[in-house]
Structures are given as C-alpha cells and as structure tokens.
C-alpha cells in the first residue's frame, strides 16, 4: 500500500489540530510535516516540525516537499490587528506557500476556505477568501480541493464568547428547519472529511465542497 507524506500549514489552529492528529493516526500517511510560527515539541516519530517566519517562506522552500498540502490557515480582523495583517494570513502566506509546494512537486492541494467566498464581494473577508480560491484554482496542481464550511464548532479553549453565542443561535434555528446552509460543523468532522477526500478516487482537477456535501455523508 502506498504511503503519503502530508504537509500542513495552520497546524495549530482549530481545523489544523485535528488534521494533524488524524493524519498521524492514519496508516496511509508515512509522515506529516507542519510549518509553525512557534515551536512544538512532539515525540511522535511521524511528525516533522519546522518553525518558520511565514513572511520569508522562500528561505524554507527546500523543506516544502510531500504528496499533499493541507492549508488550514486563517485569522480574524480582531486577532490580526489590521486588514493588511489579516490579508497576509488569509491570502499571501497561503498562496506563496502553495506556489513553492507546486514547484517542489506536491500534487494535491486541500484548502479550508469559507462559505460565501467571492472575489467580487464588497466585504473584505469573503473577498480575500474568494481571491485565494481563484488564484489557487489557476495553479497547476493535479488535484485541488476547496472546502467551504459555515460556522465551525471549535474546541473550548479556542472558542470565543461571541462564537459560542452564534453557534447556539444557529443550532436553535437548525432544529426548526431554518438556516440549514449555516449549520455549525465540528472541526474534527471537517478534518476527517478532508482527509477522506484525499484518498478518494477522483480525477477532477478542481472540486468545491460546500456544507451540504460535507454533512450529507
């Protein structure tokens, strides 16, 4: 059985944590390389950790090698501190990393995007998500998979107060049969779905997965 070498960026975030843990437990994955801003200590022999400055990704290009790249980076305007800094995380770092990965022979790319991503949007966040989707889609990976979840149910240590309120409101309306397109999704379920799709026999170069495709399994 062929084994794969996976790369993960955004590994310390909500989705990224579960991507890494599930990949490490997967017998089809030979090794997992993560690129992080703060060093992580792990005794798992399958895990390779590189602490890098994402503003100087090219300095680490020789380390960006593998079979599949999972991009789960993301931030909020509040956490970033400015639109310029949020654009760096939600677009620039991910796009530049993808270009290097492609150049180094990575064939499969999986991106966590967002519901409502649209490069023509008048709103900042959906526009940068849409810009990233469009530019990634134009890269010549053999397979590109873009996932568009709505609200994500994150671990308690990462869940903000306003997110908890929003999720509870959405769950209430979902029980009434309303706002189904915004149904909250557990991050571990999204991570599992993404990994499953990597091993699926799919010859399409570009595939989008909205919430309805993710939760209907």
N, C-alpha and C. Protein backbone atom coordinates (compact mmCIF):
# COMPACT_ATOMS: atom_id res chain seq x y z
N UNK A 1 0.84 -1.19 0.00
CA UNK A 1 0.00 0.00 0.00
C UNK A 1 0.87 1.25 0.00
N UNK A 2 0.58 2.16 -0.91
CA UNK A 2 1.34 3.39 -0.99
C UNK A 2 1.07 4.26 0.23
N UNK A 3 2.14 4.85 0.74
CA UNK A 3 2.00 5.78 1.85
C UNK A 3 2.33 7.20 1.38
N UNK A 4 1.71 8.16 2.01
CA UNK A 4 1.83 9.54 1.57
C UNK A 4 2.53 10.40 2.63
N UNK A 5 3.16 11.45 2.15
CA UNK A 5 3.77 12.44 3.02
C UNK A 5 2.90 13.69 2.96
N UNK A 6 2.31 14.06 4.09
CA UNK A 6 1.41 15.21 4.15
C UNK A 6 2.11 16.43 4.72
N UNK A 7 1.70 17.60 4.23
CA UNK A 7 2.18 18.89 4.74
C UNK A 7 0.96 19.64 5.27
N UNK A 8 1.12 20.30 6.41
CA UNK A 8 0.01 21.08 6.98
C UNK A 8 0.51 22.46 7.37
N UNK A 9 -0.20 23.51 6.92
CA UNK A 9 0.03 24.84 7.45
C UNK A 9 -1.27 25.27 8.14
N UNK A 10 -1.10 26.06 9.19
CA UNK A 10 -2.26 26.35 10.04
C UNK A 10 -2.47 25.21 11.02
N UNK A 11 -1.39 24.51 11.33
CA UNK A 11 -1.47 23.28 12.13
C UNK A 11 -1.87 23.50 13.58
N UNK A 12 -1.71 24.70 14.08
CA UNK A 12 -2.06 24.96 15.48
C UNK A 12 -3.45 25.56 15.64
N UNK A 13 -4.13 25.79 14.53
CA UNK A 13 -5.49 26.31 14.58
C UNK A 13 -6.51 25.23 14.84
N UNK A 14 -7.77 25.61 14.83
CA UNK A 14 -8.84 24.67 15.19
C UNK A 14 -8.89 23.47 14.26
N UNK A 15 -9.00 23.71 12.95
CA UNK A 15 -9.05 22.60 11.99
C UNK A 15 -7.69 21.92 11.89
N UNK A 16 -6.64 22.72 11.89
CA UNK A 16 -5.30 22.17 11.73
C UNK A 16 -4.91 21.17 12.80
N UNK A 17 -5.31 21.44 14.04
CA UNK A 17 -5.02 20.50 15.13
C UNK A 17 -5.55 19.11 14.82
N UNK A 18 -6.80 19.06 14.37
CA UNK A 18 -7.41 17.76 14.10
C UNK A 18 -6.88 17.13 12.83
N UNK A 19 -6.53 17.96 11.85
CA UNK A 19 -5.90 17.42 10.65
C UNK A 19 -4.61 16.69 11.03
N UNK A 20 -3.79 17.33 11.84
CA UNK A 20 -2.51 16.73 12.22
C UNK A 20 -2.72 15.46 13.02
N UNK A 21 -3.58 15.50 14.03
CA UNK A 21 -3.77 14.32 14.89
C UNK A 21 -4.36 13.15 14.10
N UNK A 22 -5.29 13.44 13.19
CA UNK A 22 -5.90 12.37 12.41
C UNK A 22 -4.94 11.84 11.35
N UNK A 23 -4.13 12.70 10.77
CA UNK A 23 -3.13 12.25 9.79
C UNK A 23 -2.10 11.36 10.46
N UNK A 24 -1.69 11.70 11.66
CA UNK A 24 -0.70 10.90 12.37
C UNK A 24 -1.23 9.52 12.71
N UNK A 25 -2.53 9.39 12.88
CA UNK A 25 -3.15 8.11 13.21
C UNK A 25 -3.48 7.28 11.96
N UNK A 26 -3.36 7.90 10.79
CA UNK A 26 -3.75 7.24 9.54
C UNK A 26 -2.60 6.38 9.02
N UNK A 27 -2.85 5.11 8.80
CA UNK A 27 -1.80 4.18 8.36
C UNK A 27 -1.32 4.46 6.94
N UNK A 28 -2.10 5.23 6.17
CA UNK A 28 -1.70 5.56 4.80
C UNK A 28 -0.77 6.77 4.76
N UNK A 29 -0.57 7.40 5.89
CA UNK A 29 0.31 8.56 5.97
C UNK A 29 1.65 8.15 6.57
N UNK A 30 2.69 8.32 5.80
CA UNK A 30 4.04 7.95 6.25
C UNK A 30 4.61 8.99 7.20
N UNK A 31 4.38 10.26 6.89
CA UNK A 31 4.91 11.32 7.73
C UNK A 31 4.09 12.59 7.53
N UNK A 32 4.13 13.47 8.52
CA UNK A 32 3.40 14.74 8.49
C UNK A 32 4.39 15.85 8.82
N UNK A 33 4.52 16.79 7.91
CA UNK A 33 5.38 17.95 8.14
C UNK A 33 4.51 19.17 8.39
N UNK A 34 4.75 19.85 9.49
CA UNK A 34 3.98 21.06 9.78
C UNK A 34 4.93 22.26 9.85
N UNK A 35 4.42 23.41 9.42
CA UNK A 35 5.18 24.65 9.46
C UNK A 35 4.45 25.60 10.41
N UNK A 36 5.14 26.01 11.45
CA UNK A 36 4.50 26.79 12.52
C UNK A 36 5.36 28.00 12.89
N UNK A 37 4.72 28.97 13.53
CA UNK A 37 5.44 30.17 13.98
C UNK A 37 6.08 29.98 15.35
N UNK A 38 5.50 29.09 16.16
CA UNK A 38 6.05 28.79 17.47
C UNK A 38 6.38 27.31 17.54
N UNK A 39 7.51 26.99 18.10
CA UNK A 39 7.98 25.61 18.12
C UNK A 39 7.03 24.69 18.90
N UNK A 40 6.88 23.48 18.40
CA UNK A 40 6.04 22.46 19.04
C UNK A 40 6.92 21.25 19.34
N UNK A 41 6.80 20.75 20.55
CA UNK A 41 7.57 19.57 20.94
C UNK A 41 6.65 18.35 20.86
N UNK A 42 7.07 17.35 20.11
CA UNK A 42 6.28 16.13 19.97
C UNK A 42 7.21 14.93 19.91
N UNK A 43 6.77 13.85 20.50
CA UNK A 43 7.55 12.62 20.48
C UNK A 43 7.08 11.68 19.38
N UNK A 44 6.09 12.10 18.61
CA UNK A 44 5.60 11.25 17.52
C UNK A 44 6.63 11.24 16.39
N UNK A 45 7.12 10.07 16.05
CA UNK A 45 8.18 9.94 15.05
C UNK A 45 7.70 10.27 13.64
N UNK A 46 6.39 10.28 13.43
CA UNK A 46 5.86 10.61 12.10
C UNK A 46 5.77 12.12 11.88
N UNK A 47 5.90 12.89 12.95
CA UNK A 47 5.71 14.33 12.85
C UNK A 47 7.04 15.07 12.71
N UNK A 48 7.11 15.91 11.69
CA UNK A 48 8.27 16.76 11.44
C UNK A 48 7.82 18.21 11.61
N UNK A 49 8.49 18.95 12.48
CA UNK A 49 8.09 20.32 12.81
C UNK A 49 9.15 21.31 12.32
N UNK A 50 8.70 22.32 11.58
CA UNK A 50 9.59 23.39 11.15
C UNK A 50 9.04 24.72 11.65
N UNK A 51 9.80 25.39 12.49
CA UNK A 51 9.42 26.73 12.94
C UNK A 51 9.95 27.73 11.92
N UNK A 52 9.05 28.53 11.34
CA UNK A 52 9.48 29.44 10.28
C UNK A 52 8.81 30.81 10.45
N UNK A 53 9.36 31.76 9.72
CA UNK A 53 8.75 33.08 9.57
C UNK A 53 8.02 33.07 8.23
N UNK A 54 6.69 33.10 8.26
CA UNK A 54 5.92 32.97 7.03
C UNK A 54 6.10 34.17 6.09
N UNK A 55 6.66 35.26 6.60
CA UNK A 55 6.93 36.39 5.72
C UNK A 55 8.20 36.16 4.90
N UNK A 56 8.95 35.11 5.25
CA UNK A 56 10.15 34.73 4.49
C UNK A 56 10.10 33.25 4.13
N UNK A 57 8.99 32.85 3.54
CA UNK A 57 8.77 31.44 3.24
C UNK A 57 9.83 30.90 2.29
N UNK A 58 10.29 31.71 1.35
CA UNK A 58 11.25 31.24 0.35
C UNK A 58 12.53 30.71 0.98
N UNK A 59 12.87 31.20 2.18
CA UNK A 59 14.07 30.73 2.86
C UNK A 59 13.95 29.27 3.30
N UNK A 60 12.73 28.77 3.32
CA UNK A 60 12.49 27.39 3.78
C UNK A 60 11.95 26.51 2.65
N UNK A 61 12.10 26.95 1.42
CA UNK A 61 11.49 26.26 0.29
C UNK A 61 11.97 24.82 0.14
N UNK A 62 13.21 24.53 0.53
CA UNK A 62 13.73 23.18 0.37
C UNK A 62 13.04 22.18 1.30
N UNK A 63 12.35 22.67 2.31
CA UNK A 63 11.66 21.79 3.26
C UNK A 63 10.21 21.50 2.84
N UNK A 64 9.71 22.24 1.88
CA UNK A 64 8.30 22.11 1.49
C UNK A 64 8.17 21.03 0.43
N UNK A 65 8.22 19.80 0.86
CA UNK A 65 8.13 18.65 -0.04
C UNK A 65 7.15 17.62 0.52
N UNK A 66 6.42 16.96 -0.35
CA UNK A 66 5.45 15.95 0.07
C UNK A 66 4.49 15.62 -1.05
N UNK A 67 3.43 14.92 -0.69
CA UNK A 67 2.44 14.50 -1.68
C UNK A 67 1.19 15.34 -1.66
N UNK A 68 0.80 15.82 -0.47
CA UNK A 68 -0.43 16.60 -0.35
C UNK A 68 -0.21 17.72 0.66
N UNK A 69 -0.73 18.89 0.31
CA UNK A 69 -0.65 20.05 1.18
C UNK A 69 -2.03 20.42 1.69
N UNK A 70 -2.17 20.44 3.01
CA UNK A 70 -3.40 20.90 3.65
C UNK A 70 -3.17 22.33 4.15
N UNK A 71 -3.98 23.26 3.66
CA UNK A 71 -3.85 24.65 4.07
C UNK A 71 -5.05 25.03 4.92
N UNK A 72 -4.82 25.17 6.23
CA UNK A 72 -5.90 25.46 7.17
C UNK A 72 -5.63 26.75 7.93
N UNK A 73 -4.90 27.64 7.31
CA UNK A 73 -4.59 28.92 7.94
C UNK A 73 -5.80 29.84 7.95
N UNK A 74 -5.84 30.72 8.91
CA UNK A 74 -6.92 31.70 8.96
C UNK A 74 -6.85 32.51 10.24
N UNK A 75 -7.36 33.71 10.18
CA UNK A 75 -7.39 34.56 11.36
C UNK A 75 -8.60 35.47 11.27
N UNK A 76 -8.77 36.29 12.27
CA UNK A 76 -9.85 37.28 12.27
C UNK A 76 -9.22 38.66 12.27
N UNK A 77 -10.02 39.63 11.91
CA UNK A 77 -9.54 41.01 11.90
C UNK A 77 -9.10 41.43 13.30
N UNK A 78 -9.86 40.99 14.31
CA UNK A 78 -9.52 41.33 15.69
C UNK A 78 -8.18 40.74 16.10
N UNK A 79 -7.97 39.47 15.78
CA UNK A 79 -6.71 38.82 16.16
C UNK A 79 -5.54 39.35 15.35
N UNK A 80 -5.78 39.64 14.08
CA UNK A 80 -4.70 40.12 13.22
C UNK A 80 -4.29 41.55 13.57
N UNK A 81 -5.28 42.38 13.89
CA UNK A 81 -4.99 43.75 14.26
C UNK A 81 -5.20 44.78 13.17
N UNK A 82 -5.22 44.32 11.93
CA UNK A 82 -5.48 45.22 10.80
C UNK A 82 -5.84 44.40 9.57
N UNK A 83 -6.46 45.05 8.60
CA UNK A 83 -6.82 44.36 7.37
C UNK A 83 -5.56 43.89 6.63
N UNK A 84 -4.53 44.70 6.67
CA UNK A 84 -3.29 44.33 6.00
C UNK A 84 -2.71 43.05 6.57
N UNK A 85 -2.71 42.94 7.89
CA UNK A 85 -2.15 41.74 8.54
C UNK A 85 -3.06 40.54 8.32
N UNK A 86 -4.38 40.75 8.30
CA UNK A 86 -5.28 39.63 8.04
C UNK A 86 -5.10 39.14 6.61
N UNK A 87 -4.89 40.05 5.68
CA UNK A 87 -4.67 39.66 4.28
C UNK A 87 -3.41 38.81 4.15
N UNK A 88 -2.39 39.11 4.94
CA UNK A 88 -1.17 38.31 4.91
C UNK A 88 -1.47 36.85 5.25
N UNK A 89 -2.24 36.64 6.31
CA UNK A 89 -2.52 35.28 6.78
C UNK A 89 -3.53 34.57 5.87
N UNK A 90 -4.59 35.28 5.51
CA UNK A 90 -5.69 34.64 4.78
C UNK A 90 -5.46 34.56 3.28
N UNK A 91 -4.43 35.25 2.79
CA UNK A 91 -4.14 35.17 1.36
C UNK A 91 -2.65 34.97 1.08
N UNK A 92 -1.84 35.96 1.40
CA UNK A 92 -0.46 35.99 0.94
C UNK A 92 0.36 34.78 1.38
N UNK A 93 0.36 34.47 2.67
CA UNK A 93 1.16 33.35 3.17
C UNK A 93 0.74 32.04 2.49
N UNK A 94 -0.56 31.83 2.38
CA UNK A 94 -1.06 30.57 1.82
C UNK A 94 -0.76 30.45 0.33
N UNK A 95 -0.95 31.54 -0.40
CA UNK A 95 -0.70 31.49 -1.84
C UNK A 95 0.79 31.31 -2.13
N UNK A 96 1.64 32.03 -1.43
CA UNK A 96 3.08 31.88 -1.66
C UNK A 96 3.56 30.49 -1.29
N UNK A 97 3.02 29.94 -0.21
CA UNK A 97 3.39 28.59 0.20
C UNK A 97 2.95 27.58 -0.86
N UNK A 98 1.75 27.76 -1.40
CA UNK A 98 1.24 26.85 -2.43
C UNK A 98 2.11 26.86 -3.68
N UNK A 99 2.57 28.02 -4.08
CA UNK A 99 3.40 28.12 -5.27
C UNK A 99 4.72 27.38 -5.10
N UNK A 100 5.30 27.49 -3.92
CA UNK A 100 6.55 26.76 -3.65
C UNK A 100 6.30 25.26 -3.62
N UNK A 101 5.21 24.85 -2.98
CA UNK A 101 4.87 23.42 -2.90
C UNK A 101 4.69 22.84 -4.30
N UNK A 102 4.01 23.57 -5.16
CA UNK A 102 3.80 23.11 -6.53
C UNK A 102 5.14 22.97 -7.26
N UNK A 103 5.97 23.96 -7.12
CA UNK A 103 7.29 23.93 -7.76
C UNK A 103 8.11 22.74 -7.28
N UNK A 104 7.91 22.35 -6.01
CA UNK A 104 8.67 21.24 -5.43
C UNK A 104 8.03 19.87 -5.67
N UNK A 105 6.96 19.83 -6.46
CA UNK A 105 6.39 18.55 -6.85
C UNK A 105 5.20 18.07 -6.07
N UNK A 106 4.67 18.88 -5.15
CA UNK A 106 3.44 18.50 -4.44
C UNK A 106 2.30 18.48 -5.45
N UNK A 107 1.51 17.40 -5.45
CA UNK A 107 0.49 17.23 -6.49
C UNK A 107 -0.93 17.50 -6.04
N UNK A 108 -1.18 17.39 -4.75
CA UNK A 108 -2.55 17.51 -4.24
C UNK A 108 -2.62 18.66 -3.23
N UNK A 109 -3.65 19.50 -3.38
CA UNK A 109 -3.79 20.67 -2.51
C UNK A 109 -5.20 20.72 -1.94
N UNK A 110 -5.30 20.83 -0.61
CA UNK A 110 -6.59 20.91 0.07
C UNK A 110 -6.65 22.21 0.86
N UNK A 111 -7.66 23.03 0.58
CA UNK A 111 -7.77 24.35 1.18
C UNK A 111 -9.04 24.50 2.00
N UNK A 112 -8.88 25.01 3.23
CA UNK A 112 -10.04 25.39 4.03
C UNK A 112 -10.38 26.83 3.68
N UNK A 113 -11.52 27.02 3.03
CA UNK A 113 -11.97 28.36 2.67
C UNK A 113 -13.15 28.71 3.56
N UNK A 114 -14.18 29.31 3.01
CA UNK A 114 -15.31 29.72 3.84
C UNK A 114 -16.57 29.85 3.00
N UNK A 115 -17.70 29.60 3.62
CA UNK A 115 -18.97 29.85 2.96
C UNK A 115 -19.02 31.32 2.54
N UNK A 116 -19.54 31.58 1.35
CA UNK A 116 -19.67 32.95 0.88
C UNK A 116 -18.42 33.54 0.24
N UNK A 117 -17.36 32.73 0.11
CA UNK A 117 -16.14 33.23 -0.53
C UNK A 117 -16.45 33.73 -1.93
N UNK A 118 -16.05 34.95 -2.23
CA UNK A 118 -16.40 35.55 -3.51
C UNK A 118 -15.46 36.72 -3.79
N UNK A 119 -14.65 36.59 -4.82
CA UNK A 119 -13.68 37.64 -5.13
C UNK A 119 -14.34 38.95 -5.54
N UNK A 120 -15.62 38.92 -5.87
CA UNK A 120 -16.34 40.13 -6.28
C UNK A 120 -17.14 40.74 -5.12
N UNK A 121 -17.00 40.15 -3.94
CA UNK A 121 -17.76 40.65 -2.80
C UNK A 121 -17.32 42.06 -2.41
N UNK A 122 -18.25 42.83 -1.90
CA UNK A 122 -17.94 44.17 -1.40
C UNK A 122 -17.39 44.12 0.02
N UNK A 123 -17.46 42.94 0.63
CA UNK A 123 -16.99 42.77 2.00
C UNK A 123 -15.59 42.17 2.02
N UNK A 124 -14.79 42.63 2.96
CA UNK A 124 -13.36 42.30 2.98
C UNK A 124 -13.08 40.80 3.10
N UNK A 125 -13.67 40.15 4.12
CA UNK A 125 -13.33 38.75 4.40
C UNK A 125 -13.72 37.80 3.26
N UNK A 126 -14.98 37.81 2.80
CA UNK A 126 -15.32 36.91 1.70
C UNK A 126 -14.54 37.21 0.42
N UNK A 127 -14.14 38.47 0.24
CA UNK A 127 -13.38 38.83 -0.96
C UNK A 127 -11.99 38.20 -0.94
N UNK A 128 -11.28 38.29 0.20
CA UNK A 128 -9.93 37.71 0.21
C UNK A 128 -9.99 36.18 0.13
N UNK A 129 -11.04 35.59 0.71
CA UNK A 129 -11.21 34.14 0.57
C UNK A 129 -11.47 33.77 -0.88
N UNK A 130 -12.28 34.58 -1.56
CA UNK A 130 -12.56 34.34 -2.97
C UNK A 130 -11.33 34.56 -3.83
N UNK A 131 -10.55 35.58 -3.53
CA UNK A 131 -9.31 35.83 -4.27
C UNK A 131 -8.36 34.65 -4.15
N UNK A 132 -8.25 34.11 -2.94
CA UNK A 132 -7.35 32.96 -2.73
C UNK A 132 -7.85 31.74 -3.51
N UNK A 133 -9.16 31.48 -3.42
CA UNK A 133 -9.72 30.35 -4.18
C UNK A 133 -9.40 30.47 -5.67
N UNK A 134 -9.63 31.63 -6.24
CA UNK A 134 -9.41 31.83 -7.68
C UNK A 134 -7.96 31.63 -8.06
N UNK A 135 -7.06 32.19 -7.27
CA UNK A 135 -5.64 32.10 -7.63
C UNK A 135 -5.08 30.70 -7.40
N UNK A 136 -5.56 30.02 -6.37
CA UNK A 136 -5.16 28.62 -6.16
C UNK A 136 -5.67 27.75 -7.31
N UNK A 137 -6.90 27.99 -7.73
CA UNK A 137 -7.50 27.20 -8.81
C UNK A 137 -6.73 27.33 -10.11
N UNK A 138 -6.02 28.42 -10.28
CA UNK A 138 -5.24 28.64 -11.50
C UNK A 138 -3.85 28.01 -11.45
N UNK A 139 -3.47 27.47 -10.31
CA UNK A 139 -2.20 26.77 -10.20
C UNK A 139 -2.34 25.36 -10.76
N UNK A 140 -1.25 24.78 -11.21
CA UNK A 140 -1.33 23.50 -11.93
C UNK A 140 -1.10 22.28 -11.06
N UNK A 141 -1.71 22.26 -9.87
CA UNK A 141 -1.74 21.03 -9.08
C UNK A 141 -2.56 19.99 -9.84
N UNK A 142 -2.27 18.71 -9.62
CA UNK A 142 -3.07 17.66 -10.26
C UNK A 142 -4.49 17.65 -9.70
N UNK A 143 -4.61 17.88 -8.39
CA UNK A 143 -5.93 17.92 -7.76
C UNK A 143 -5.97 19.06 -6.75
N UNK A 144 -7.06 19.80 -6.80
CA UNK A 144 -7.29 20.89 -5.85
C UNK A 144 -8.67 20.69 -5.24
N UNK A 145 -8.72 20.68 -3.92
CA UNK A 145 -9.99 20.52 -3.21
C UNK A 145 -10.19 21.70 -2.29
N UNK A 146 -11.32 22.37 -2.46
CA UNK A 146 -11.60 23.57 -1.68
C UNK A 146 -12.85 23.33 -0.84
N UNK A 147 -12.72 23.53 0.46
CA UNK A 147 -13.80 23.24 1.40
C UNK A 147 -14.36 24.55 1.94
N UNK A 148 -15.68 24.68 1.90
CA UNK A 148 -16.35 25.92 2.30
C UNK A 148 -17.33 25.69 3.44
N UNK A 149 -16.83 25.48 4.64
CA UNK A 149 -17.74 25.33 5.79
C UNK A 149 -18.34 26.66 6.19
N UNK A 150 -19.41 26.60 6.96
CA UNK A 150 -20.00 27.82 7.52
C UNK A 150 -19.41 28.01 8.91
N UNK A 151 -20.25 28.04 9.94
CA UNK A 151 -19.75 28.18 11.31
C UNK A 151 -19.09 26.89 11.78
N UNK A 152 -17.93 27.02 12.40
CA UNK A 152 -17.20 25.86 12.89
C UNK A 152 -17.28 25.78 14.41
N UNK A 153 -17.56 24.58 14.90
CA UNK A 153 -17.57 24.35 16.34
C UNK A 153 -16.16 23.96 16.74
N UNK A 154 -15.47 24.89 17.36
CA UNK A 154 -14.08 24.69 17.72
C UNK A 154 -13.95 24.17 19.15
N UNK A 155 -12.76 23.64 19.50
CA UNK A 155 -12.53 23.21 20.89
C UNK A 155 -12.76 24.36 21.84
N UNK A 156 -13.14 24.05 23.08
CA UNK A 156 -13.49 25.07 24.05
C UNK A 156 -12.36 26.07 24.30
N UNK A 157 -11.11 25.61 24.24
CA UNK A 157 -10.00 26.52 24.52
C UNK A 157 -9.78 27.52 23.39
N UNK A 158 -10.41 27.27 22.24
CA UNK A 158 -10.27 28.20 21.11
C UNK A 158 -11.56 28.94 20.81
N UNK A 159 -12.63 28.56 21.48
CA UNK A 159 -13.95 29.13 21.18
C UNK A 159 -14.13 30.48 21.85
N UNK A 160 -14.38 31.49 21.03
CA UNK A 160 -14.63 32.83 21.55
C UNK A 160 -16.08 32.93 22.04
N UNK A 161 -16.33 33.88 22.96
CA UNK A 161 -17.66 34.02 23.55
C UNK A 161 -18.71 34.30 22.48
N UNK A 162 -18.40 35.21 21.55
CA UNK A 162 -19.38 35.54 20.51
C UNK A 162 -19.64 34.37 19.57
N UNK A 163 -18.61 33.52 19.37
CA UNK A 163 -18.79 32.34 18.53
C UNK A 163 -19.73 31.35 19.21
N UNK A 164 -19.57 31.19 20.52
CA UNK A 164 -20.44 30.27 21.26
C UNK A 164 -21.89 30.71 21.18
N UNK A 165 -22.11 32.02 21.30
CA UNK A 165 -23.47 32.55 21.20
C UNK A 165 -24.04 32.30 19.81
N UNK A 166 -23.24 32.60 18.78
CA UNK A 166 -23.69 32.41 17.40
C UNK A 166 -24.03 30.95 17.12
N UNK A 167 -23.17 30.04 17.56
CA UNK A 167 -23.41 28.61 17.33
C UNK A 167 -24.69 28.16 18.00
N UNK A 168 -24.92 28.60 19.23
CA UNK A 168 -26.15 28.22 19.94
C UNK A 168 -27.39 28.75 19.23
N UNK A 169 -27.29 29.96 18.69
CA UNK A 169 -28.41 30.54 17.95
C UNK A 169 -28.68 29.73 16.68
N UNK A 170 -27.60 29.39 15.96
CA UNK A 170 -27.76 28.63 14.71
C UNK A 170 -28.33 27.24 14.98
N UNK A 171 -27.86 26.60 16.04
CA UNK A 171 -28.38 25.28 16.39
C UNK A 171 -29.88 25.35 16.69
N UNK A 172 -30.29 26.40 17.38
CA UNK A 172 -31.71 26.60 17.69
C UNK A 172 -32.53 26.70 16.41
N UNK A 173 -32.07 27.53 15.48
CA UNK A 173 -32.81 27.70 14.22
C UNK A 173 -32.74 26.44 13.36
N UNK A 174 -31.60 25.73 13.40
CA UNK A 174 -31.47 24.48 12.64
C UNK A 174 -32.51 23.46 13.09
N UNK A 175 -32.78 23.41 14.40
CA UNK A 175 -33.78 22.47 14.93
C UNK A 175 -35.18 22.81 14.42
N UNK A 176 -35.37 24.07 14.04
CA UNK A 176 -36.65 24.50 13.48
C UNK A 176 -36.68 24.33 11.96
N UNK A 177 -35.58 23.80 11.41
CA UNK A 177 -35.50 23.61 9.96
C UNK A 177 -35.07 24.85 9.22
N UNK A 178 -34.52 25.83 9.93
CA UNK A 178 -34.13 27.10 9.32
C UNK A 178 -32.60 27.24 9.28
N UNK A 179 -32.11 28.07 8.35
CA UNK A 179 -30.69 28.39 8.23
C UNK A 179 -29.81 27.15 8.11
N UNK A 180 -30.28 26.16 7.36
CA UNK A 180 -29.53 24.92 7.22
C UNK A 180 -28.19 25.12 6.52
N UNK A 181 -28.13 26.13 5.64
CA UNK A 181 -26.88 26.39 4.91
C UNK A 181 -25.79 26.94 5.83
N UNK A 182 -26.18 27.35 7.04
CA UNK A 182 -25.22 27.88 8.01
C UNK A 182 -25.06 26.95 9.21
N UNK A 183 -25.44 25.70 9.02
CA UNK A 183 -25.37 24.73 10.11
C UNK A 183 -23.95 24.61 10.65
N UNK A 184 -23.74 24.74 11.97
CA UNK A 184 -22.39 24.62 12.53
C UNK A 184 -21.82 23.22 12.30
N UNK A 185 -20.52 23.17 12.06
CA UNK A 185 -19.83 21.93 11.76
C UNK A 185 -18.66 21.76 12.72
N UNK A 186 -18.54 20.59 13.31
CA UNK A 186 -17.42 20.33 14.22
C UNK A 186 -16.13 20.29 13.42
N UNK A 187 -15.08 20.91 13.96
CA UNK A 187 -13.82 20.97 13.22
C UNK A 187 -13.24 19.58 12.98
N UNK A 188 -13.43 18.66 13.92
CA UNK A 188 -12.91 17.31 13.72
C UNK A 188 -13.60 16.59 12.58
N UNK A 189 -14.89 16.91 12.35
CA UNK A 189 -15.61 16.31 11.24
C UNK A 189 -15.12 16.86 9.90
N UNK A 190 -14.83 18.15 9.87
CA UNK A 190 -14.28 18.74 8.65
C UNK A 190 -12.91 18.15 8.35
N UNK A 191 -12.07 18.01 9.36
CA UNK A 191 -10.74 17.44 9.16
C UNK A 191 -10.84 16.02 8.60
N UNK A 192 -11.72 15.21 9.16
CA UNK A 192 -11.88 13.83 8.69
C UNK A 192 -12.37 13.81 7.24
N UNK A 193 -13.31 14.69 6.92
CA UNK A 193 -13.84 14.75 5.56
C UNK A 193 -12.73 15.12 4.57
N UNK A 194 -11.90 16.08 4.94
CA UNK A 194 -10.80 16.50 4.07
C UNK A 194 -9.83 15.36 3.82
N UNK A 195 -9.47 14.64 4.86
CA UNK A 195 -8.53 13.52 4.70
C UNK A 195 -9.15 12.41 3.85
N UNK A 196 -10.42 12.11 4.10
CA UNK A 196 -11.10 11.07 3.31
C UNK A 196 -11.05 11.42 1.83
N UNK A 197 -11.23 12.70 1.50
CA UNK A 197 -11.28 13.12 0.10
C UNK A 197 -9.92 12.99 -0.59
N UNK A 198 -8.85 13.07 0.18
CA UNK A 198 -7.51 12.91 -0.40
C UNK A 198 -7.35 11.51 -1.00
N UNK A 199 -7.94 10.52 -0.35
CA UNK A 199 -7.79 9.14 -0.78
C UNK A 199 -8.92 8.67 -1.69
N UNK A 200 -9.87 9.55 -1.97
CA UNK A 200 -10.99 9.19 -2.83
C UNK A 200 -10.54 9.14 -4.28
N UNK A 201 -11.09 8.22 -5.03
CA UNK A 201 -10.76 8.08 -6.45
C UNK A 201 -11.50 9.16 -7.23
N UNK A 202 -10.87 10.29 -7.38
CA UNK A 202 -11.50 11.44 -8.03
C UNK A 202 -10.50 12.04 -9.01
N UNK A 203 -10.84 12.07 -10.27
CA UNK A 203 -9.92 12.56 -11.30
C UNK A 203 -10.13 14.04 -11.60
N UNK A 204 -11.11 14.67 -10.96
CA UNK A 204 -11.34 16.10 -11.20
C UNK A 204 -10.16 16.93 -10.70
N UNK A 205 -9.74 17.89 -11.50
CA UNK A 205 -8.65 18.76 -11.08
C UNK A 205 -9.09 19.68 -9.96
N UNK A 206 -10.31 20.20 -10.05
CA UNK A 206 -10.80 21.17 -9.07
C UNK A 206 -12.17 20.75 -8.56
N UNK A 207 -12.29 20.63 -7.24
CA UNK A 207 -13.57 20.25 -6.64
C UNK A 207 -13.86 21.17 -5.44
N UNK A 208 -15.07 21.70 -5.41
CA UNK A 208 -15.52 22.51 -4.29
C UNK A 208 -16.47 21.68 -3.42
N UNK A 209 -16.34 21.81 -2.11
CA UNK A 209 -17.22 21.12 -1.18
C UNK A 209 -17.87 22.14 -0.27
N UNK A 210 -19.17 22.35 -0.45
CA UNK A 210 -19.93 23.22 0.43
C UNK A 210 -20.45 22.41 1.60
N UNK A 211 -21.10 23.07 2.52
CA UNK A 211 -21.56 22.41 3.74
C UNK A 211 -22.44 21.20 3.44
N UNK A 212 -23.34 21.32 2.47
CA UNK A 212 -24.27 20.23 2.19
C UNK A 212 -23.54 18.97 1.74
N UNK A 213 -22.40 19.12 1.03
CA UNK A 213 -21.64 17.94 0.62
C UNK A 213 -20.89 17.34 1.81
N UNK A 214 -20.48 18.17 2.74
CA UNK A 214 -19.71 17.68 3.86
C UNK A 214 -20.59 16.93 4.87
N UNK A 215 -21.78 17.44 5.12
CA UNK A 215 -22.62 16.85 6.19
C UNK A 215 -23.56 15.75 5.69
N UNK A 216 -23.67 15.56 4.38
CA UNK A 216 -24.64 14.58 3.88
C UNK A 216 -24.12 13.15 3.92
N UNK A 217 -22.85 12.94 4.28
CA UNK A 217 -22.28 11.61 4.25
C UNK A 217 -23.02 10.67 5.20
